[in-house]
Amino acid sequence: MQLLVEEPVPGAFVWTLAETDARGRPTKVARRAPEPSESYEAALAAGTHALNVLMRAQPAPAPA
């Protein structure tokens, strides 16, 4: 999973959570910010929170 923060319009920062392939390249959007944030830091914090919530909701990997 990858967290991306972009500024599509000056002063509007949007986070996106993307699933990645084995090489770490984004392949599919998992979640996106419902609305832009006013700063990069705010978008990063909101995206990090969303990533943590998503990861906690995933089942734990089976022991090897």
PDB file of N, CA and C in Angstrom:
ATOM      1  N   MET A   1       0.865  -1.165   0.000  1.00  0.00           N
ATOM      2  CA  MET A   1       0.000   0.000   0.000  1.00  0.00           C
ATOM      3  C   MET A   1       0.909   1.224   0.000  1.00  0.00           C
ATOM      4  N   GLN A   2       0.506   2.213  -0.746  1.00  0.00           N
ATOM      5  CA  GLN A   2       1.307   3.437  -0.857  1.00  0.00           C
ATOM      6  C   GLN A   2       0.417   4.644  -0.571  1.00  0.00           C
ATOM      7  N   LEU A   3       0.942   5.584   0.193  1.00  0.00           N
ATOM      8  CA  LEU A   3       0.249   6.836   0.482  1.00  0.00           C
ATOM      9  C   LEU A   3       0.846   7.924  -0.396  1.00  0.00           C
ATOM     10  N   LEU A   4       0.015   8.550  -1.198  1.00  0.00           N
ATOM     11  CA  LEU A   4       0.451   9.639  -2.076  1.00  0.00           C
ATOM     12  C   LEU A   4      -0.258  10.913  -1.655  1.00  0.00           C
ATOM     13  N   VAL A   5       0.452  12.032  -1.664  1.00  0.00           N
ATOM     14  CA  VAL A   5      -0.148  13.342  -1.413  1.00  0.00           C
ATOM     15  C   VAL A   5       0.178  14.206  -2.625  1.00  0.00           C
ATOM     16  N   GLU A   6      -0.863  14.742  -3.245  1.00  0.00           N
ATOM     17  CA  GLU A   6      -0.688  15.573  -4.428  1.00  0.00           C
ATOM     18  C   GLU A   6      -1.385  16.915  -4.228  1.00  0.00           C
ATOM     19  N   GLU A   7      -0.995  17.876  -5.037  1.00  0.00           N
ATOM     20  CA  GLU A   7      -1.582  19.216  -5.010  1.00  0.00           C
ATOM     21  C   GLU A   7      -2.140  19.514  -6.415  1.00  0.00           C
ATOM     22  N   PRO A   8      -3.356  18.990  -6.716  1.00  0.00           N
ATOM     23  CA  PRO A   8      -3.900  19.175  -8.059  1.00  0.00           C
ATOM     24  C   PRO A   8      -4.237  20.628  -8.389  1.00  0.00           C
ATOM     25  N   VAL A   9      -4.553  21.391  -7.348  1.00  0.00           N
ATOM     26  CA  VAL A   9      -4.863  22.815  -7.482  1.00  0.00           C
ATOM     27  C   VAL A   9      -4.045  23.522  -6.399  1.00  0.00           C
ATOM     28  N   PRO A  10      -3.413  24.656  -6.689  1.00  0.00           N
ATOM     29  CA  PRO A  10      -2.622  25.336  -5.669  1.00  0.00           C
ATOM     30  C   PRO A  10      -3.391  25.520  -4.353  1.00  0.00           C
ATOM     31  N   GLY A  11      -2.786  25.046  -3.258  1.00  0.00           N
ATOM     32  CA  GLY A  11      -3.382  25.198  -1.941  1.00  0.00           C
ATOM     33  C   GLY A  11      -4.389  24.131  -1.573  1.00  0.00           C
ATOM     34  N   ALA A  12      -4.582  23.112  -2.424  1.00  0.00           N
ATOM     35  CA  ALA A  12      -5.521  22.017  -2.148  1.00  0.00           C
ATOM     36  C   ALA A  12      -4.753  20.705  -2.258  1.00  0.00           C
ATOM     37  N   PHE A  13      -4.539  20.049  -1.122  1.00  0.00           N
ATOM     38  CA  PHE A  13      -3.738  18.827  -1.064  1.00  0.00           C
ATOM     39  C   PHE A  13      -4.650  17.632  -0.836  1.00  0.00           C
ATOM     40  N   VAL A  14      -4.459  16.594  -1.648  1.00  0.00           N
ATOM     41  CA  VAL A  14      -5.322  15.415  -1.613  1.00  0.00           C
ATOM     42  C   VAL A  14      -4.457  14.169  -1.409  1.00  0.00           C
ATOM     43  N   TRP A  15      -4.857  13.326  -0.471  1.00  0.00           N
ATOM     44  CA  TRP A  15      -4.148  12.071  -0.268  1.00  0.00           C
ATOM     45  C   TRP A  15      -4.885  10.949  -0.996  1.00  0.00           C
ATOM     46  N   THR A  16      -4.114   9.933  -1.398  1.00  0.00           N
ATOM     47  CA  THR A  16      -4.648   8.736  -2.041  1.00  0.00           C
ATOM     48  C   THR A  16      -3.901   7.536  -1.486  1.00  0.00           C
ATOM     49  N   LEU A  17      -4.646   6.470  -1.173  1.00  0.00           N
ATOM     50  CA  LEU A  17      -4.036   5.199  -0.797  1.00  0.00           C
ATOM     51  C   LEU A  17      -4.136   4.296  -2.017  1.00  0.00           C
ATOM     52  N   ALA A  18      -3.015   3.796  -2.480  1.00  0.00           N
ATOM     53  CA  ALA A  18      -2.995   2.958  -3.673  1.00  0.00           C
ATOM     54  C   ALA A  18      -2.388   1.595  -3.363  1.00  0.00           C
ATOM     55  N   GLU A  19      -3.020   0.557  -3.893  1.00  0.00           N
ATOM     56  CA  GLU A  19      -2.434  -0.775  -3.819  1.00  0.00           C
ATOM     57  C   GLU A  19      -1.248  -0.790  -4.774  1.00  0.00           C
ATOM     58  N   THR A  20      -0.242  -1.591  -4.456  1.00  0.00           N
ATOM     59  CA  THR A  20       0.971  -1.622  -5.273  1.00  0.00           C
ATOM     60  C   THR A  20       1.273  -3.040  -5.750  1.00  0.00           C
ATOM     61  N   ASP A  21       2.062  -3.113  -6.813  1.00  0.00           N
ATOM     62  CA  ASP A  21       2.502  -4.414  -7.301  1.00  0.00           C
ATOM     63  C   ASP A  21       3.766  -4.827  -6.551  1.00  0.00           C
ATOM     64  N   ALA A  22       4.362  -5.932  -6.955  1.00  0.00           N
ATOM     65  CA  ALA A  22       5.550  -6.457  -6.278  1.00  0.00           C
ATOM     66  C   ALA A  22       6.729  -5.494  -6.347  1.00  0.00           C
ATOM     67  N   ARG A  23       6.727  -4.583  -7.314  1.00  0.00           N
ATOM     68  CA  ARG A  23       7.815  -3.610  -7.439  1.00  0.00           C
ATOM     69  C   ARG A  23       7.515  -2.288  -6.749  1.00  0.00           C
ATOM     70  N   GLY A  24       6.361  -2.206  -6.080  1.00  0.00           N
ATOM     71  CA  GLY A  24       5.998  -0.994  -5.359  1.00  0.00           C
ATOM     72  C   GLY A  24       5.326   0.071  -6.199  1.00  0.00           C
ATOM     73  N   ARG A  25       4.951  -0.269  -7.430  1.00  0.00           N
ATOM     74  CA  ARG A  25       4.272   0.702  -8.299  1.00  0.00           C
ATOM     75  C   ARG A  25       2.774   0.689  -8.009  1.00  0.00           C
ATOM     76  N   PRO A  26       2.151   1.866  -7.941  1.00  0.00           N
ATOM     77  CA  PRO A  26       0.707   1.914  -7.696  1.00  0.00           C
ATOM     78  C   PRO A  26      -0.058   1.229  -8.825  1.00  0.00           C
ATOM     79  N   THR A  27      -1.051   0.403  -8.450  1.00  0.00           N
ATOM     80  CA  THR A  27      -1.846  -0.305  -9.449  1.00  0.00           C
ATOM     81  C   THR A  27      -3.333   0.003  -9.358  1.00  0.00           C
ATOM     82  N   LYS A  28      -3.819   0.307  -8.155  1.00  0.00           N
ATOM     83  CA  LYS A  28      -5.258   0.499  -7.955  1.00  0.00           C
ATOM     84  C   LYS A  28      -5.493   1.419  -6.765  1.00  0.00           C
ATOM     85  N   VAL A  29      -6.411   2.362  -6.917  1.00  0.00           N
ATOM     86  CA  VAL A  29      -6.750   3.260  -5.810  1.00  0.00           C
ATOM     87  C   VAL A  29      -7.620   2.499  -4.810  1.00  0.00           C
ATOM     88  N   ALA A  30      -7.195   2.488  -3.539  1.00  0.00           N
ATOM     89  CA  ALA A  30      -7.946   1.833  -2.472  1.00  0.00           C
ATOM     90  C   ALA A  30      -8.867   2.831  -1.770  1.00  0.00           C
ATOM     91  N   ARG A  31      -8.350   4.032  -1.520  1.00  0.00           N
ATOM     92  CA  ARG A  31      -9.131   5.105  -0.883  1.00  0.00           C
ATOM     93  C   ARG A  31      -8.566   6.431  -1.318  1.00  0.00           C
ATOM     94  N   ARG A  32      -9.412   7.437  -1.254  1.00  0.00           N
ATOM     95  CA  ARG A  32      -8.991   8.792  -1.633  1.00  0.00           C
ATOM     96  C   ARG A  32      -9.628   9.762  -0.636  1.00  0.00           C
ATOM     97  N   ALA A  33      -8.980  10.887  -0.423  1.00  0.00           N
ATOM     98  CA  ALA A  33      -9.511  11.913   0.483  1.00  0.00           C
ATOM     99  C   ALA A  33     -10.893  12.349   0.010  1.00  0.00           C
ATOM    100  N   PRO A  34     -11.845  12.465   0.933  1.00  0.00           N
ATOM    101  CA  PRO A  34     -13.175  12.931   0.537  1.00  0.00           C
ATOM    102  C   PRO A  34     -13.181  14.406   0.135  1.00  0.00           C
ATOM    103  N   GLU A  35     -12.221  15.152   0.662  1.00  0.00           N
ATOM    104  CA  GLU A  35     -12.080  16.574   0.308  1.00  0.00           C
ATOM    105  C   GLU A  35     -10.635  16.994   0.508  1.00  0.00           C
ATOM    106  N   PRO A  36     -10.200  18.028  -0.181  1.00  0.00           N
ATOM    107  CA  PRO A  36      -8.805  18.462  -0.055  1.00  0.00           C
ATOM    108  C   PRO A  36      -8.500  19.081   1.307  1.00  0.00           C
ATOM    109  N   SER A  37      -7.224  19.033   1.673  1.00  0.00           N
ATOM    110  CA  SER A  37      -6.725  19.695   2.878  1.00  0.00           C
ATOM    111  C   SER A  37      -6.038  20.990   2.462  1.00  0.00           C
ATOM    112  N   GLU A  38      -5.898  21.907   3.412  1.00  0.00           N
ATOM    113  CA  GLU A  38      -5.283  23.205   3.121  1.00  0.00           C
ATOM    114  C   GLU A  38      -3.763  23.174   3.144  1.00  0.00           C
ATOM    115  N   SER A  39      -3.179  22.075   3.676  1.00  0.00           N
ATOM    116  CA  SER A  39      -1.720  21.991   3.712  1.00  0.00           C
ATOM    117  C   SER A  39      -1.280  20.561   3.428  1.00  0.00           C
ATOM    118  N   TYR A  40      -0.036  20.440   2.993  1.00  0.00           N
ATOM    119  CA  TYR A  40       0.554  19.121   2.760  1.00  0.00           C
ATOM    120  C   TYR A  40       0.556  18.324   4.059  1.00  0.00           C
ATOM    121  N   GLU A  41       0.936  18.972   5.148  1.00  0.00           N
ATOM    122  CA  GLU A  41       1.036  18.295   6.437  1.00  0.00           C
ATOM    123  C   GLU A  41      -0.309  17.737   6.888  1.00  0.00           C
ATOM    124  N   ALA A  42      -1.384  18.515   6.704  1.00  0.00           N
ATOM    125  CA  ALA A  42      -2.720  18.052   7.092  1.00  0.00           C
ATOM    126  C   ALA A  42      -3.152  16.875   6.229  1.00  0.00           C
ATOM    127  N   ALA A  43      -2.876  16.935   4.937  1.00  0.00           N
ATOM    128  CA  ALA A  43      -3.222  15.829   4.047  1.00  0.00           C
ATOM    129  C   ALA A  43      -2.413  14.586   4.402  1.00  0.00           C
ATOM    130  N   LEU A  44      -1.141  14.764   4.702  1.00  0.00           N
ATOM    131  CA  LEU A  44      -0.289  13.643   5.083  1.00  0.00           C
ATOM    132  C   LEU A  44      -0.795  12.991   6.373  1.00  0.00           C
ATOM    133  N   ALA A  45      -1.160  13.796   7.356  1.00  0.00           N
ATOM    134  CA  ALA A  45      -1.680  13.263   8.621  1.00  0.00           C
ATOM    135  C   ALA A  45      -2.994  12.513   8.402  1.00  0.00           C
ATOM    136  N   ALA A  46      -3.895  13.078   7.606  1.00  0.00           N
ATOM    137  CA  ALA A  46      -5.183  12.424   7.338  1.00  0.00           C
ATOM    138  C   ALA A  46      -4.972  11.129   6.551  1.00  0.00           C
ATOM    139  N   GLY A  47      -4.074  11.154   5.585  1.00  0.00           N
ATOM    140  CA  GLY A  47      -3.787   9.948   4.807  1.00  0.00           C
ATOM    141  C   GLY A  47      -3.130   8.866   5.651  1.00  0.00           C
ATOM    142  N   THR A  48      -2.238   9.256   6.536  1.00  0.00           N
ATOM    143  CA  THR A  48      -1.591   8.307   7.435  1.00  0.00           C
ATOM    144  C   THR A  48      -2.618   7.666   8.356  1.00  0.00           C
ATOM    145  N   HIS A  49      -3.541   8.463   8.861  1.00  0.00           N
ATOM    146  CA  HIS A  49      -4.617   7.928   9.705  1.00  0.00           C
ATOM    147  C   HIS A  49      -5.468   6.928   8.912  1.00  0.00           C
ATOM    148  N   ALA A  50      -5.851   7.283   7.699  1.00  0.00           N
ATOM    149  CA  ALA A  50      -6.647   6.383   6.861  1.00  0.00           C
ATOM    150  C   ALA A  50      -5.890   5.089   6.574  1.00  0.00           C
ATOM    151  N   LEU A  51      -4.589   5.178   6.345  1.00  0.00           N
ATOM    152  CA  LEU A  51      -3.767   3.992   6.106  1.00  0.00           C
ATOM    153  C   LEU A  51      -3.733   3.102   7.342  1.00  0.00           C
ATOM    154  N   ASN A  52      -3.565   3.700   8.509  1.00  0.00           N
ATOM    155  CA  ASN A  52      -3.552   2.926   9.760  1.00  0.00           C
ATOM    156  C   ASN A  52      -4.877   2.218   9.979  1.00  0.00           C
ATOM    157  N   VAL A  53      -5.985   2.902   9.741  1.00  0.00           N
ATOM    158  CA  VAL A  53      -7.315   2.293   9.896  1.00  0.00           C
ATOM    159  C   VAL A  53      -7.469   1.129   8.919  1.00  0.00           C
ATOM    160  N   LEU A  54      -7.062   1.332   7.691  1.00  0.00           N
ATOM    161  CA  LEU A  54      -7.168   0.285   6.674  1.00  0.00           C
ATOM    162  C   LEU A  54      -6.306  -0.920   7.033  1.00  0.00           C
ATOM    163  N   MET A  55      -5.099  -0.681   7.509  1.00  0.00           N
ATOM    164  CA  MET A  55      -4.204  -1.783   7.857  1.00  0.00           C
ATOM    165  C   MET A  55      -4.723  -2.561   9.067  1.00  0.00           C
ATOM    166  N   ARG A  56      -5.327  -1.873  10.029  1.00  0.00           N
ATOM    167  CA  ARG A  56      -5.882  -2.560  11.190  1.00  0.00           C
ATOM    168  C   ARG A  56      -7.075  -3.419  10.807  1.00  0.00           C
ATOM    169  N   ALA A  57      -7.782  -3.040   9.744  1.00  0.00           N
ATOM    170  CA  ALA A  57      -8.960  -3.780   9.307  1.00  0.00           C
ATOM    171  C   ALA A  57      -8.586  -5.042   8.509  1.00  0.00           C
ATOM    172  N   GLN A  58      -7.338  -5.114   8.029  1.00  0.00           N
ATOM    173  CA  GLN A  58      -6.875  -6.267   7.246  1.00  0.00           C
ATOM    174  C   GLN A  58      -6.641  -7.457   8.192  1.00  0.00           C
ATOM    175  N   PRO A  59      -6.985  -8.662   7.743  1.00  0.00           N
ATOM    176  CA  PRO A  59      -6.668  -9.829   8.580  1.00  0.00           C
ATOM    177  C   PRO A  59      -5.161 -10.014   8.690  1.00  0.00           C
ATOM    178  N   ALA A  60      -4.728 -10.512   9.817  1.00  0.00           N
ATOM    179  CA  ALA A  60      -3.295 -10.750  10.045  1.00  0.00           C
ATOM    180  C   ALA A  60      -2.824 -11.856   9.119  1.00  0.00           C
ATOM    181  N   PRO A  61      -1.593 -11.761   8.602  1.00  0.00           N
ATOM    182  CA  PRO A  61      -1.074 -12.821   7.750  1.00  0.00           C
ATOM    183  C   PRO A  61      -0.928 -14.128   8.521  1.00  0.00           C
ATOM    184  N   ALA A  62      -1.111 -15.237   7.842  1.00  0.00           N
ATOM    185  CA  ALA A  62      -0.965 -16.546   8.477  1.00  0.00           C
ATOM    186  C   ALA A  62       0.496 -16.772   8.820  1.00  0.00           C
ATOM    187  N   PRO A  63       0.764 -17.424   9.948  1.00  0.00           N
ATOM    188  CA  PRO A  63       2.163 -17.712  10.314  1.00  0.00           C
ATOM    189  C   PRO A  63       2.813 -18.619   9.273  1.00  0.00           C
ATOM    190  N   ALA A  64       4.090 -18.412   9.066  1.00  0.00           N
ATOM    191  CA  ALA A  64       4.817 -19.213   8.062  1.00  0.00           C
ATOM    192  C   ALA A  64       5.268 -20.534   8.611  1.00  0.00           C
TER     193      ALA A  64
END
